[in-house]
Amino acid sequence: MSDNHAPRTASQRVAWITTVVVASLVLVFLMAPILAIMPLSFSSGSYLTYPLPGLSLRWYEDFLNSPRWVSSLKNSVIIGVASTILSMVLGTLASLGLAQWKSKFKPLVLAIVLSPVVVPGVITAVGLYFFFAPLGLTGSYAGLILAHTALSTPFVVITVSATLQSFDMNLARAAASLGASPIYAFRRVILPLILPGLASGALFAFATSFDEVVVVLFMAGPEQRTLPREMFSGIRENISPTITAAAVILTTISVILLATLEALRRRNERLKGNLR
């Protein structure tokens, strides 16, 4: 009988049950705030209270009929898509350059590129504000897009660099030796192979931009209010159940992005399995 089908000992069963119980408790702890908010978005009452006085879609209607909320959602999508595109371009170029660069300064440069991920958001926001203010980029879409690009690019670098670990650069050299231009070789040889990592990085970049609030508080003007910024202001100024509807919409978008990311990961694993 193989080891995989060998009966478990008593200590192994106890360890397995303990692991399942602890993991379940951690999952419940993490999901409880989200699960508590969702029913409130369907409440017919005007206050955030349990038990629910009744069920209604009035807060979703208020969200969709409010120019303020719709405008903030549109701003989040515009800024998120634009910063994601820029992050994909810059992150891919940085990953390709770092993958081929052999230097003792490479770890230092990589640490600088990835620093927005580890530096506290407030410090990043203050730094971006003082850098962009003399340039007149505060209170503008261009400034916010560039700021979100700086925050999102490291995620593209991480995922694309991980994909390039298994990429054979000799394939690109072979294409060049056959007369392919650098752009053509990238489009027909490199890009198809790194596409799963690039797509994953793009999803992370969009999620980072879509959920960002600290930088927006420092950089955005009245016309660039994003959905997280609007929710933050609503909680501080006037707690309305409409915020719960916005939170559910934001959570739904995040879940869709995570599901897409998982689908891409499984597809990438299947492709690797077929190549083997």
C-alpha atoms as a PDB file:
ATOM      1  CA  MET A   1       0.000   0.000   0.000  1.00  0.00           C
ATOM      2  CA  SER A   2       1.383   3.432  -0.939  1.00  0.00           C
ATOM      3  CA  ASP A   3       2.105   6.089   1.634  1.00  0.00           C
ATOM      4  CA  ASN A   4      -0.662   8.295   0.206  1.00  0.00           C
ATOM      5  CA  HIS A   5      -3.300   5.716   1.156  1.00  0.00           C
ATOM      6  CA  ALA A   6      -1.786   4.633   4.473  1.00  0.00           C
ATOM      7  CA  PRO A   7      -4.141   5.015   7.436  1.00  0.00           C
ATOM      8  CA  ARG A   8      -3.499   8.061   9.572  1.00  0.00           C
ATOM      9  CA  THR A   9      -2.290   7.724  13.108  1.00  0.00           C
ATOM     10  CA  ALA A  10      -4.201   9.248  16.004  1.00  0.00           C
ATOM     11  CA  SER A  11      -1.776  12.181  16.238  1.00  0.00           C
ATOM     12  CA  GLN A  12      -2.115  12.853  12.498  1.00  0.00           C
ATOM     13  CA  ARG A  13      -5.901  12.854  12.749  1.00  0.00           C
ATOM     14  CA  VAL A  14      -5.767  15.268  15.693  1.00  0.00           C
ATOM     15  CA  ALA A  15      -3.365  17.535  13.786  1.00  0.00           C
ATOM     16  CA  TRP A  16      -5.619  17.430  10.712  1.00  0.00           C
ATOM     17  CA  ILE A  17      -8.765  18.250  12.690  1.00  0.00           C
ATOM     18  CA  THR A  18      -6.953  21.051  14.537  1.00  0.00           C
ATOM     19  CA  THR A  19      -5.741  22.518  11.245  1.00  0.00           C
ATOM     20  CA  VAL A  20      -9.238  22.433   9.750  1.00  0.00           C
ATOM     21  CA  VAL A  21     -10.809  24.022  12.843  1.00  0.00           C
ATOM     22  CA  VAL A  22      -8.198  26.796  13.089  1.00  0.00           C
ATOM     23  CA  ALA A  23      -8.376  27.506   9.351  1.00  0.00           C
ATOM     24  CA  SER A  24     -12.187  27.639   9.523  1.00  0.00           C
ATOM     25  CA  LEU A  25     -12.084  30.058  12.471  1.00  0.00           C
ATOM     26  CA  VAL A  26      -9.607  32.295  10.655  1.00  0.00           C
ATOM     27  CA  LEU A  27     -11.801  32.247   7.540  1.00  0.00           C
ATOM     28  CA  VAL A  28     -14.888  33.151   9.558  1.00  0.00           C
ATOM     29  CA  PHE A  29     -12.961  35.946  11.308  1.00  0.00           C
ATOM     30  CA  LEU A  30     -11.868  37.401   7.970  1.00  0.00           C
ATOM     31  CA  MET A  31     -15.257  37.022   6.274  1.00  0.00           C
ATOM     32  CA  ALA A  32     -17.439  38.176   9.195  1.00  0.00           C
ATOM     33  CA  PRO A  33     -17.199  41.940   8.463  1.00  0.00           C
ATOM     34  CA  ILE A  34     -18.105  41.397   4.808  1.00  0.00           C
ATOM     35  CA  LEU A  35     -20.953  39.014   5.627  1.00  0.00           C
ATOM     36  CA  ALA A  36     -22.281  41.495   8.197  1.00  0.00           C
ATOM     37  CA  ILE A  37     -22.345  44.371   5.699  1.00  0.00           C
ATOM     38  CA  MET A  38     -24.032  42.579   2.812  1.00  0.00           C
ATOM     39  CA  PRO A  39     -27.467  42.051   4.411  1.00  0.00           C
ATOM     40  CA  LEU A  40     -27.535  45.700   5.533  1.00  0.00           C
ATOM     41  CA  SER A  41     -27.369  46.812   1.894  1.00  0.00           C
ATOM     42  CA  PHE A  42     -30.785  45.171   1.362  1.00  0.00           C
ATOM     43  CA  SER A  43     -32.385  46.773   4.428  1.00  0.00           C
ATOM     44  CA  SER A  44     -35.535  48.828   4.013  1.00  0.00           C
ATOM     45  CA  GLY A  45     -34.666  50.920   7.067  1.00  0.00           C
ATOM     46  CA  SER A  46     -32.771  54.193   7.145  1.00  0.00           C
ATOM     47  CA  TYR A  47     -30.248  53.075   9.756  1.00  0.00           C
ATOM     48  CA  LEU A  48     -27.598  50.360   9.971  1.00  0.00           C
ATOM     49  CA  THR A  49     -29.355  48.118  12.466  1.00  0.00           C
ATOM     50  CA  TYR A  50     -30.092  44.447  13.059  1.00  0.00           C
ATOM     51  CA  PRO A  51     -32.584  42.832  12.814  1.00  0.00           C
ATOM     52  CA  LEU A  52     -33.530  44.153   9.412  1.00  0.00           C
ATOM     53  CA  PRO A  53     -36.924  45.894   9.352  1.00  0.00           C
ATOM     54  CA  GLY A  54     -37.480  44.546   5.842  1.00  0.00           C
ATOM     55  CA  LEU A  55     -35.851  43.870   2.498  1.00  0.00           C
ATOM     56  CA  SER A  56     -35.482  46.496  -0.193  1.00  0.00           C
ATOM     57  CA  LEU A  57     -33.249  47.549  -3.084  1.00  0.00           C
ATOM     58  CA  ARG A  58     -33.697  51.235  -2.274  1.00  0.00           C
ATOM     59  CA  TRP A  59     -30.019  51.779  -1.418  1.00  0.00           C
ATOM     60  CA  TYR A  60     -28.856  50.283  -4.705  1.00  0.00           C
ATOM     61  CA  GLU A  61     -31.340  52.526  -6.488  1.00  0.00           C
ATOM     62  CA  ASP A  62     -30.019  55.482  -4.492  1.00  0.00           C
ATOM     63  CA  PHE A  63     -26.467  54.541  -5.491  1.00  0.00           C
ATOM     64  CA  LEU A  64     -27.299  54.219  -9.200  1.00  0.00           C
ATOM     65  CA  ASN A  65     -29.460  57.366  -9.251  1.00  0.00           C
ATOM     66  CA  SER A  66     -26.980  59.531  -7.361  1.00  0.00           C
ATOM     67  CA  PRO A  67     -24.714  61.599  -9.645  1.00  0.00           C
ATOM     68  CA  ARG A  68     -22.171  61.758  -6.832  1.00  0.00           C
ATOM     69  CA  TRP A  69     -21.848  57.978  -6.447  1.00  0.00           C
ATOM     70  CA  VAL A  70     -22.022  57.232 -10.173  1.00  0.00           C
ATOM     71  CA  SER A  71     -19.383  59.866 -10.875  1.00  0.00           C
ATOM     72  CA  SER A  72     -17.080  58.383  -8.225  1.00  0.00           C
ATOM     73  CA  LEU A  73     -17.513  54.905  -9.713  1.00  0.00           C
ATOM     74  CA  LYS A  74     -16.746  56.246 -13.190  1.00  0.00           C
ATOM     75  CA  ASN A  75     -13.636  57.999 -11.885  1.00  0.00           C
ATOM     76  CA  SER A  76     -12.437  54.786 -10.242  1.00  0.00           C
ATOM     77  CA  VAL A  77     -12.866  52.844 -13.480  1.00  0.00           C
ATOM     78  CA  ILE A  78     -11.178  55.505 -15.644  1.00  0.00           C
ATOM     79  CA  ILE A  79      -8.213  55.936 -13.308  1.00  0.00           C
ATOM     80  CA  GLY A  80      -7.954  52.186 -12.715  1.00  0.00           C
ATOM     81  CA  VAL A  81      -7.945  51.259 -16.413  1.00  0.00           C
ATOM     82  CA  ALA A  82      -5.512  54.023 -17.389  1.00  0.00           C
ATOM     83  CA  SER A  83      -3.061  53.264 -14.571  1.00  0.00           C
ATOM     84  CA  THR A  84      -3.297  49.530 -15.323  1.00  0.00           C
ATOM     85  CA  ILE A  85      -2.348  50.058 -18.969  1.00  0.00           C
ATOM     86  CA  LEU A  86       0.631  52.222 -17.983  1.00  0.00           C
ATOM     87  CA  SER A  87       1.628  49.709 -15.306  1.00  0.00           C
ATOM     88  CA  MET A  88       1.548  46.857 -17.831  1.00  0.00           C
ATOM     89  CA  VAL A  89       3.854  48.741 -20.201  1.00  0.00           C
ATOM     90  CA  LEU A  90       6.306  49.981 -17.564  1.00  0.00           C
ATOM     91  CA  GLY A  91       6.238  46.781 -15.511  1.00  0.00           C
ATOM     92  CA  THR A  92       6.867  44.555 -18.526  1.00  0.00           C
ATOM     93  CA  LEU A  93       9.767  46.701 -19.738  1.00  0.00           C
ATOM     94  CA  ALA A  94      11.261  46.769 -16.242  1.00  0.00           C
ATOM     95  CA  SER A  95      10.909  43.000 -15.865  1.00  0.00           C
ATOM     96  CA  LEU A  96      12.551  42.301 -19.225  1.00  0.00           C
ATOM     97  CA  GLY A  97      15.401  44.661 -18.430  1.00  0.00           C
ATOM     98  CA  LEU A  98      15.980  43.221 -14.957  1.00  0.00           C
ATOM     99  CA  ALA A  99      15.820  39.661 -16.268  1.00  0.00           C
ATOM    100  CA  GLN A 100      18.702  40.294 -18.683  1.00  0.00           C
ATOM    101  CA  TRP A 101      20.719  42.678 -16.513  1.00  0.00           C
ATOM    102  CA  LYS A 102      23.696  41.126 -14.775  1.00  0.00           C
ATOM    103  CA  SER A 103      24.981  43.570 -12.179  1.00  0.00           C
ATOM    104  CA  LYS A 104      25.698  43.754  -8.489  1.00  0.00           C
ATOM    105  CA  PHE A 105      23.322  46.723  -8.354  1.00  0.00           C
ATOM    106  CA  LYS A 106      20.372  44.662  -9.624  1.00  0.00           C
ATOM    107  CA  PRO A 107      19.006  43.830  -6.102  1.00  0.00           C
ATOM    108  CA  LEU A 108      19.157  47.519  -5.188  1.00  0.00           C
ATOM    109  CA  VAL A 109      17.308  48.589  -8.327  1.00  0.00           C
ATOM    110  CA  LEU A 110      14.723  45.837  -7.813  1.00  0.00           C
ATOM    111  CA  ALA A 111      14.203  46.983  -4.214  1.00  0.00           C
ATOM    112  CA  ILE A 112      13.619  50.549  -5.414  1.00  0.00           C
ATOM    113  CA  VAL A 113      11.124  49.365  -8.055  1.00  0.00           C
ATOM    114  CA  LEU A 114       9.206  47.306  -5.484  1.00  0.00           C
ATOM    115  CA  SER A 115       9.403  49.908  -2.700  1.00  0.00           C
ATOM    116  CA  PRO A 116       5.804  51.205  -3.164  1.00  0.00           C
ATOM    117  CA  VAL A 117       4.594  47.776  -2.017  1.00  0.00           C
ATOM    118  CA  VAL A 118       6.442  47.870   1.329  1.00  0.00           C
ATOM    119  CA  VAL A 119       6.510  51.606   2.105  1.00  0.00           C
ATOM    120  CA  PRO A 120       3.497  52.725   4.210  1.00  0.00           C
ATOM    121  CA  GLY A 121       0.778  54.269   2.094  1.00  0.00           C
ATOM    122  CA  VAL A 122       0.763  57.556   4.012  1.00  0.00           C
ATOM    123  CA  ILE A 123       4.477  58.092   3.374  1.00  0.00           C
ATOM    124  CA  THR A 124       4.011  57.312  -0.317  1.00  0.00           C
ATOM    125  CA  ALA A 125       1.037  59.673  -0.534  1.00  0.00           C
ATOM    126  CA  VAL A 126       2.916  62.537   1.148  1.00  0.00           C
ATOM    127  CA  GLY A 127       5.933  61.991  -1.101  1.00  0.00           C
ATOM    128  CA  LEU A 128       3.804  61.953  -4.235  1.00  0.00           C
ATOM    129  CA  TYR A 129       1.977  65.088  -3.132  1.00  0.00           C
ATOM    130  CA  PHE A 130       5.163  67.103  -2.572  1.00  0.00           C
ATOM    131  CA  PHE A 131       6.618  65.804  -5.841  1.00  0.00           C
ATOM    132  CA  PHE A 132       3.521  66.490  -7.957  1.00  0.00           C
ATOM    133  CA  ALA A 133       2.426  69.777  -6.352  1.00  0.00           C
ATOM    134  CA  PRO A 134       5.164  71.944  -7.955  1.00  0.00           C
ATOM    135  CA  LEU A 135       4.352  70.321 -11.300  1.00  0.00           C
ATOM    136  CA  GLY A 136       0.682  71.266 -11.036  1.00  0.00           C
ATOM    137  CA  LEU A 137      -0.453  67.638 -11.147  1.00  0.00           C
ATOM    138  CA  THR A 138      -2.420  67.621  -7.896  1.00  0.00           C
ATOM    139  CA  GLY A 139      -6.164  67.781  -8.342  1.00  0.00           C
ATOM    140  CA  SER A 140      -5.947  66.347 -11.864  1.00  0.00           C
ATOM    141  CA  TYR A 141      -6.672  63.049 -13.554  1.00  0.00           C
ATOM    142  CA  ALA A 142      -3.141  62.910 -14.949  1.00  0.00           C
ATOM    143  CA  GLY A 143      -1.635  63.223 -11.461  1.00  0.00           C
ATOM    144  CA  LEU A 144      -3.880  60.517 -10.025  1.00  0.00           C
ATOM    145  CA  ILE A 145      -3.213  58.154 -12.921  1.00  0.00           C
ATOM    146  CA  LEU A 146       0.548  58.613 -12.568  1.00  0.00           C
ATOM    147  CA  ALA A 147       0.347  58.159  -8.788  1.00  0.00           C
ATOM    148  CA  HIS A 148      -1.700  54.969  -9.126  1.00  0.00           C
ATOM    149  CA  THR A 149       0.702  53.760 -11.806  1.00  0.00           C
ATOM    150  CA  ALA A 150       3.578  54.125  -9.341  1.00  0.00           C
ATOM    151  CA  LEU A 151       1.635  52.024  -6.834  1.00  0.00           C
ATOM    152  CA  SER A 152       0.502  49.381  -9.334  1.00  0.00           C
ATOM    153  CA  THR A 153       3.642  48.825 -11.409  1.00  0.00           C
ATOM    154  CA  PRO A 154       5.443  46.707  -8.747  1.00  0.00           C
ATOM    155  CA  PHE A 155       2.704  44.080  -8.940  1.00  0.00           C
ATOM    156  CA  VAL A 156       3.232  43.754 -12.690  1.00  0.00           C
ATOM    157  CA  VAL A 157       6.986  43.522 -12.150  1.00  0.00           C
ATOM    158  CA  ILE A 158       6.537  40.744  -9.580  1.00  0.00           C
ATOM    159  CA  THR A 159       4.232  38.575 -11.700  1.00  0.00           C
ATOM    160  CA  VAL A 160       6.031  39.103 -15.017  1.00  0.00           C
ATOM    161  CA  SER A 161       9.437  38.513 -13.399  1.00  0.00           C
ATOM    162  CA  ALA A 162       8.136  35.265 -11.940  1.00  0.00           C
ATOM    163  CA  THR A 163       7.008  34.190 -15.412  1.00  0.00           C
ATOM    164  CA  LEU A 164      10.363  35.128 -16.920  1.00  0.00           C
ATOM    165  CA  GLN A 165      12.136  32.793 -14.480  1.00  0.00           C
ATOM    166  CA  SER A 166      11.079  29.867 -16.686  1.00  0.00           C
ATOM    167  CA  PHE A 167      11.469  31.749 -19.988  1.00  0.00           C
ATOM    168  CA  ASP A 168      14.370  30.822 -22.244  1.00  0.00           C
ATOM    169  CA  MET A 169      15.867  34.021 -23.657  1.00  0.00           C
ATOM    170  CA  ASN A 170      17.483  31.942 -26.410  1.00  0.00           C
ATOM    171  CA  LEU A 171      14.065  31.885 -28.085  1.00  0.00           C
ATOM    172  CA  ALA A 172      14.175  35.657 -28.531  1.00  0.00           C
ATOM    173  CA  ARG A 173      17.775  35.468 -29.727  1.00  0.00           C
ATOM    174  CA  ALA A 174      16.793  32.791 -32.247  1.00  0.00           C
ATOM    175  CA  ALA A 175      13.999  35.012 -33.569  1.00  0.00           C
ATOM    176  CA  ALA A 176      16.460  37.909 -33.913  1.00  0.00           C
ATOM    177  CA  SER A 177      18.938  35.685 -35.748  1.00  0.00           C
ATOM    178  CA  LEU A 178      16.199  34.842 -38.247  1.00  0.00           C
ATOM    179  CA  GLY A 179      15.682  38.513 -39.033  1.00  0.00           C
ATOM    180  CA  ALA A 180      12.884  39.450 -36.617  1.00  0.00           C
ATOM    181  CA  SER A 181      12.962  43.000 -35.297  1.00  0.00           C
ATOM    182  CA  PRO A 182      12.970  43.479 -31.501  1.00  0.00           C
ATOM    183  CA  ILE A 183       9.318  44.567 -31.529  1.00  0.00           C
ATOM    184  CA  TYR A 184       8.254  41.660 -33.748  1.00  0.00           C
ATOM    185  CA  ALA A 185      10.201  39.165 -31.620  1.00  0.00           C
ATOM    186  CA  PHE A 186       8.569  40.532 -28.480  1.00  0.00           C
ATOM    187  CA  ARG A 187       5.077  40.405 -29.975  1.00  0.00           C
ATOM    188  CA  ARG A 188       5.325  36.924 -31.498  1.00  0.00           C
ATOM    189  CA  VAL A 189       7.730  35.118 -29.136  1.00  0.00           C
ATOM    190  CA  ILE A 190       8.022  36.760 -25.716  1.00  0.00           C
ATOM    191  CA  LEU A 191       4.531  38.189 -25.200  1.00  0.00           C
ATOM    192  CA  PRO A 192       2.558  34.934 -25.726  1.00  0.00           C
ATOM    193  CA  LEU A 193       4.745  33.160 -23.157  1.00  0.00           C
ATOM    194  CA  ILE A 194       4.595  35.860 -20.475  1.00  0.00           C
ATOM    195  CA  LEU A 195       0.933  36.694 -21.105  1.00  0.00           C
ATOM    196  CA  PRO A 196      -0.414  34.734 -18.064  1.00  0.00           C
ATOM    197  CA  GLY A 197       1.928  36.616 -15.722  1.00  0.00           C
ATOM    198  CA  LEU A 198       1.151  39.915 -17.426  1.00  0.00           C
ATOM    199  CA  ALA A 199      -2.604  39.315 -17.107  1.00  0.00           C
ATOM    200  CA  SER A 200      -2.238  38.444 -13.424  1.00  0.00           C
ATOM    201  CA  GLY A 201      -0.193  41.581 -12.836  1.00  0.00           C
ATOM    202  CA  ALA A 202      -2.785  43.673 -14.652  1.00  0.00           C
ATOM    203  CA  LEU A 203      -5.537  42.347 -12.401  1.00  0.00           C
ATOM    204  CA  PHE A 204      -3.484  43.098  -9.296  1.00  0.00           C
ATOM    205  CA  ALA A 205      -2.701  46.561 -10.650  1.00  0.00           C
ATOM    206  CA  PHE A 206      -6.352  47.345 -11.342  1.00  0.00           C
ATOM    207  CA  ALA A 207      -7.433  46.066  -7.922  1.00  0.00           C
ATOM    208  CA  THR A 208      -4.736  48.173  -6.247  1.00  0.00           C
ATOM    209  CA  SER A 209      -5.843  51.292  -8.080  1.00  0.00           C
ATOM    210  CA  PHE A 210      -9.552  50.613  -7.611  1.00  0.00           C
ATOM    211  CA  ASP A 211      -9.231  50.177  -3.834  1.00  0.00           C
ATOM    212  CA  GLU A 212      -6.737  52.983  -3.190  1.00  0.00           C
ATOM    213  CA  VAL A 213      -7.928  55.738  -0.859  1.00  0.00           C
ATOM    214  CA  VAL A 214      -4.908  57.249   0.942  1.00  0.00           C
ATOM    215  CA  VAL A 215      -3.223  58.665  -2.168  1.00  0.00           C
ATOM    216  CA  VAL A 216      -6.589  59.922  -3.435  1.00  0.00           C
ATOM    217  CA  LEU A 217      -7.133  61.834  -0.189  1.00  0.00           C
ATOM    218  CA  PHE A 218      -3.889  63.736  -0.809  1.00  0.00           C
ATOM    219  CA  MET A 219      -3.978  64.069  -4.584  1.00  0.00           C
ATOM    220  CA  ALA A 220      -7.584  64.266  -5.773  1.00  0.00           C
ATOM    221  CA  GLY A 221      -9.647  67.369  -6.297  1.00  0.00           C
ATOM    222  CA  PRO A 222     -13.454  67.630  -6.151  1.00  0.00           C
ATOM    223  CA  GLU A 223     -13.788  66.271  -9.697  1.00  0.00           C
ATOM    224  CA  GLN A 224     -11.538  63.237  -9.124  1.00  0.00           C
ATOM    225  CA  ARG A 225     -13.337  61.698  -6.170  1.00  0.00           C
ATOM    226  CA  THR A 226     -13.127  57.921  -6.501  1.00  0.00           C
ATOM    227  CA  LEU A 227     -15.464  55.324  -5.029  1.00  0.00           C
ATOM    228  CA  PRO A 228     -13.259  54.493  -1.991  1.00  0.00           C
ATOM    229  CA  ARG A 229     -12.781  58.230  -1.357  1.00  0.00           C
ATOM    230  CA  GLU A 230     -16.540  58.785  -1.539  1.00  0.00           C
ATOM    231  CA  MET A 231     -17.135  55.912   0.883  1.00  0.00           C
ATOM    232  CA  PHE A 232     -14.529  57.299   3.284  1.00  0.00           C
ATOM    233  CA  SER A 233     -16.152  60.726   3.183  1.00  0.00           C
ATOM    234  CA  GLY A 234     -19.605  59.212   3.640  1.00  0.00           C
ATOM    235  CA  ILE A 235     -18.538  57.298   6.743  1.00  0.00           C
ATOM    236  CA  ARG A 236     -16.936  60.407   8.225  1.00  0.00           C
ATOM    237  CA  GLU A 237     -19.679  62.889   7.379  1.00  0.00           C
ATOM    238  CA  ASN A 238     -22.985  61.034   7.117  1.00  0.00           C
ATOM    239  CA  ILE A 239     -23.382  57.301   7.607  1.00  0.00           C
ATOM    240  CA  SER A 240     -25.989  56.182   5.087  1.00  0.00           C
ATOM    241  CA  PRO A 241     -26.960  52.632   4.101  1.00  0.00           C
ATOM    242  CA  THR A 242     -25.992  53.645   0.556  1.00  0.00           C
ATOM    243  CA  ILE A 243     -22.416  53.083   1.704  1.00  0.00           C
ATOM    244  CA  THR A 244     -23.240  49.407   2.274  1.00  0.00           C
ATOM    245  CA  ALA A 245     -24.505  49.125  -1.309  1.00  0.00           C
ATOM    246  CA  ALA A 246     -21.263  50.723  -2.527  1.00  0.00           C
ATOM    247  CA  ALA A 247     -19.278  48.308  -0.351  1.00  0.00           C
ATOM    248  CA  VAL A 248     -21.102  45.304  -1.830  1.00  0.00           C
ATOM    249  CA  ILE A 249     -20.449  46.565  -5.364  1.00  0.00           C
ATOM    250  CA  LEU A 250     -16.768  47.099  -4.525  1.00  0.00           C
ATOM    251  CA  THR A 251     -16.545  43.638  -2.964  1.00  0.00           C
ATOM    252  CA  THR A 252     -18.254  42.043  -5.966  1.00  0.00           C
ATOM    253  CA  ILE A 253     -15.744  43.627  -8.334  1.00  0.00           C
ATOM    254  CA  SER A 254     -12.877  42.371  -6.161  1.00  0.00           C
ATOM    255  CA  VAL A 255     -14.317  38.846  -6.122  1.00  0.00           C
ATOM    256  CA  ILE A 256     -14.661  38.885  -9.914  1.00  0.00           C
ATOM    257  CA  LEU A 257     -11.029  39.969 -10.233  1.00  0.00           C
ATOM    258  CA  LEU A 258      -9.862  37.217  -7.867  1.00  0.00           C
ATOM    259  CA  ALA A 259     -11.938  34.595  -9.700  1.00  0.00           C
ATOM    260  CA  THR A 260     -10.446  35.742 -13.003  1.00  0.00           C
ATOM    261  CA  LEU A 261      -6.965  35.569 -11.494  1.00  0.00           C
ATOM    262  CA  GLU A 262      -7.564  32.017 -10.273  1.00  0.00           C
ATOM    263  CA  ALA A 263      -8.885  31.001 -13.695  1.00  0.00           C
ATOM    264  CA  LEU A 264      -5.750  32.407 -15.322  1.00  0.00           C
ATOM    265  CA  ARG A 265      -3.561  30.563 -12.822  1.00  0.00           C
ATOM    266  CA  ARG A 266      -5.255  27.241 -13.561  1.00  0.00           C
ATOM    267  CA  ARG A 267      -5.042  27.868 -17.291  1.00  0.00           C
ATOM    268  CA  ASN A 268      -1.334  28.584 -16.952  1.00  0.00           C
ATOM    269  CA  GLU A 269      -0.837  25.346 -15.025  1.00  0.00           C
ATOM    270  CA  ARG A 270      -2.695  23.386 -17.716  1.00  0.00           C
ATOM    271  CA  LEU A 271      -0.547  24.951 -20.429  1.00  0.00           C
ATOM    272  CA  LYS A 272       2.633  24.042 -18.519  1.00  0.00           C
ATOM    273  CA  GLY A 273       1.334  20.506 -18.089  1.00  0.00           C
ATOM    274  CA  ASN A 274       0.652  20.190 -21.817  1.00  0.00           C
ATOM    275  CA  LEU A 275       4.149  21.442 -22.646  1.00  0.00           C
ATOM    276  CA  ARG A 276       5.632  18.748 -20.438  1.00  0.00           C
END
